[in-house]
Amino acid sequence: MTPQVGEVAPAFTLPDASGQSISLADFAGQRVVIYFYPKDDTPGCTKEACGFRDAWSVFENHGIKVLGISKDPATSHTRFIDKHQLPFTLLTDAEPCPVAQAYGSYGPKTFMGREYIGMSRHTFVVDPQGRVEKVYTKVKADAMASRILSDLGLD
């Protein structure tokens, strides 16, 4: 079930690319963008990540943290971060992806007529009080960062 606007965002602790544990609670009092994406260094995921990178100064100037979550391991995240100079944190939600499940972002998908279980491209904005402020389940990868900034009146 996808968390709805106004609900408390599901708590989590996941490892980042260096193996350090990062918790949503670490960002209490700050606005946080949490975006779930299928796989490091694939076309859509790269466009989405680079969109956040390119708008990073605006997010940073407004004290907004960005967390990307996929099931990729730390070594993959490190390569992805280095290759595209990503200034934000990527977290690993390993199978069975409990955090993505808590956010309604992991489950049945269909691609080219084939059904499988995978990560869905969903994005959430969590307000400084830890409540879901925005939910995006229909994400256009190359426009997500700018859409969030626009929706928050920060563009």
Protein backbone atom coordinates (compact mmCIF):
# COMPACT_ATOMS: atom_id res chain seq x y z
CA MET A 1 0.00 0.00 0.00
CA THR A 2 1.44 3.36 -1.02
CA PRO A 3 1.63 5.92 1.82
CA GLN A 4 -0.76 8.82 1.28
CA VAL A 5 -0.27 12.55 1.72
CA GLY A 6 -0.50 13.43 5.42
CA GLU A 7 0.49 9.99 6.70
CA VAL A 8 3.67 9.42 8.67
CA ALA A 9 6.36 8.28 6.24
CA PRO A 10 7.44 4.67 6.87
CA ALA A 11 10.65 4.62 8.91
CA PHE A 12 13.70 2.88 7.50
CA THR A 13 17.43 2.29 7.89
CA LEU A 14 19.45 1.22 4.84
CA PRO A 15 23.13 1.11 3.89
CA ASP A 16 24.57 3.75 1.59
CA ALA A 17 27.28 3.19 -1.02
CA SER A 18 29.99 3.22 1.66
CA GLY A 19 28.13 0.78 3.92
CA GLN A 20 27.06 3.43 6.45
CA SER A 21 23.55 3.01 7.86
CA ILE A 22 21.26 5.88 6.92
CA SER A 23 17.84 6.30 8.58
CA LEU A 24 14.95 8.51 7.62
CA ALA A 25 15.07 9.66 11.26
CA ASP A 26 18.53 11.14 10.57
CA PHE A 27 16.75 13.87 8.61
CA ALA A 28 14.15 14.84 11.23
CA GLY A 29 13.26 18.52 10.83
CA GLN A 30 14.27 18.53 7.14
CA ARG A 31 12.37 17.98 3.92
CA VAL A 32 13.47 14.79 2.17
CA VAL A 33 12.90 13.51 -1.37
CA ILE A 34 12.89 9.71 -1.49
CA TYR A 35 12.92 8.28 -4.97
CA PHE A 36 12.74 4.60 -5.79
CA TYR A 37 14.24 3.52 -9.10
CA PRO A 38 14.74 0.15 -10.81
CA LYS A 39 18.47 -0.06 -11.61
CA ASP A 40 21.70 1.93 -11.56
CA ASP A 41 23.07 3.23 -14.86
CA THR A 42 20.12 2.29 -17.05
CA PRO A 43 18.71 4.94 -19.43
CA GLY A 44 15.65 6.07 -17.46
CA CYS A 45 17.34 5.80 -14.07
CA THR A 46 20.33 7.77 -15.32
CA LYS A 47 18.07 10.54 -16.65
CA GLU A 48 16.27 10.72 -13.33
CA ALA A 49 19.47 10.76 -11.25
CA CYS A 50 21.08 13.36 -13.51
CA GLY A 51 17.96 15.51 -13.22
CA PHE A 52 18.41 15.58 -9.44
CA ARG A 53 22.13 16.22 -9.92
CA ASP A 54 21.50 19.13 -12.30
CA ALA A 55 19.00 20.73 -9.90
CA TRP A 56 21.11 19.90 -6.84
CA SER A 57 21.99 23.50 -5.97
CA VAL A 58 18.29 24.38 -5.66
CA PHE A 59 17.57 21.36 -3.46
CA GLU A 60 20.64 22.11 -1.35
CA ASN A 61 19.85 25.84 -1.03
CA HIS A 62 16.44 24.93 0.38
CA GLY A 63 17.85 22.31 2.74
CA ILE A 64 16.15 19.44 0.92
CA LYS A 65 17.87 16.06 1.14
CA VAL A 66 17.60 13.58 -1.74
CA LEU A 67 17.77 9.82 -1.23
CA GLY A 68 17.70 7.40 -4.17
CA ILE A 69 16.75 3.82 -3.34
CA SER A 70 17.19 0.71 -5.48
CA LYS A 71 18.08 -2.92 -4.83
CA ASP A 72 21.53 -2.47 -6.40
CA PRO A 73 24.53 -3.28 -4.16
CA ALA A 74 26.97 -0.68 -2.83
CA THR A 75 29.55 -1.42 -5.55
CA SER A 76 27.00 -0.59 -8.25
CA HIS A 77 25.94 2.59 -6.44
CA THR A 78 29.57 3.68 -6.13
CA ARG A 79 30.17 3.26 -9.88
CA PHE A 80 26.91 5.07 -10.69
CA ILE A 81 27.75 7.96 -8.33
CA ASP A 82 31.29 8.29 -9.70
CA LYS A 83 30.31 7.98 -13.37
CA HIS A 84 27.60 10.65 -13.18
CA GLN A 85 29.00 12.78 -10.32
CA LEU A 86 25.88 12.37 -8.21
CA PRO A 87 26.01 14.60 -5.11
CA PHE A 88 23.23 12.86 -3.17
CA THR A 89 22.90 9.57 -1.31
CA LEU A 90 21.98 6.24 -2.89
CA LEU A 91 20.73 3.48 -0.61
CA THR A 92 20.50 -0.29 -1.07
CA ASP A 93 17.17 -1.96 -0.33
CA ALA A 94 18.15 -5.61 -0.90
CA GLU A 95 15.67 -8.34 -1.82
CA PRO A 96 12.95 -8.71 -0.68
CA CYS A 97 13.08 -4.86 -0.66
CA PRO A 98 11.19 -4.23 2.61
CA VAL A 99 11.48 -0.44 2.40
CA ALA A 100 10.22 -0.30 -1.19
CA GLN A 101 7.38 -2.61 -0.15
CA ALA A 102 6.49 -0.28 2.75
CA TYR A 103 6.27 2.57 0.23
CA GLY A 104 4.25 0.52 -2.28
CA SER A 105 7.16 0.69 -4.71
CA TYR A 106 7.98 -3.01 -5.13
CA GLY A 107 5.77 -5.65 -6.64
CA PRO A 108 4.29 -6.95 -9.88
CA LYS A 109 5.25 -5.11 -13.07
CA THR A 110 4.74 -5.80 -16.75
CA PHE A 111 7.29 -5.18 -19.49
CA MET A 112 6.76 -6.22 -23.10
CA GLY A 113 3.94 -8.55 -22.05
CA ARG A 114 6.01 -10.29 -19.38
CA GLU A 115 5.05 -9.97 -15.71
CA TYR A 116 7.73 -9.94 -13.04
CA ILE A 117 8.41 -8.57 -9.55
CA GLY A 118 10.49 -5.40 -9.43
CA MET A 119 11.07 -1.87 -8.21
CA SER A 120 8.63 0.79 -9.40
CA ARG A 121 9.71 4.33 -10.18
CA HIS A 122 7.92 6.20 -7.37
CA THR A 123 8.92 9.39 -5.59
CA PHE A 124 7.89 10.81 -2.22
CA VAL A 125 8.50 14.13 -0.53
CA VAL A 126 8.57 13.91 3.26
CA ASP A 127 8.02 17.14 5.19
CA PRO A 128 10.13 18.27 8.17
CA GLN A 129 7.63 16.63 10.57
CA GLY A 130 8.13 13.23 8.91
CA ARG A 131 4.80 13.18 7.07
CA VAL A 132 4.31 12.42 3.40
CA GLU A 133 3.90 15.75 1.62
CA LYS A 134 3.84 14.63 -2.03
CA VAL A 135 3.41 11.26 -3.76
CA TYR A 136 4.39 10.63 -7.38
CA THR A 137 3.51 7.21 -8.77
CA LYS A 138 3.50 8.25 -12.42
CA VAL A 139 7.06 9.47 -12.80
CA LYS A 140 8.59 10.92 -15.93
CA ALA A 141 12.25 10.20 -15.22
CA ASP A 142 13.81 13.16 -17.00
CA ALA A 143 11.41 15.69 -15.43
CA MET A 144 11.00 14.47 -11.84
CA ALA A 145 13.41 16.87 -10.15
CA SER A 146 12.01 19.94 -11.89
CA ARG A 147 8.43 18.82 -11.23
CA ILE A 148 9.11 18.49 -7.49
CA LEU A 149 10.70 21.93 -7.37
CA SER A 150 7.76 23.40 -9.27
CA ASP A 151 5.19 21.66 -7.05
CA LEU A 152 6.98 23.00 -3.97
CA GLY A 153 7.10 26.51 -5.46
CA LEU A 154 10.90 26.50 -5.61
CA ASP A 155 11.50 26.74 -9.36
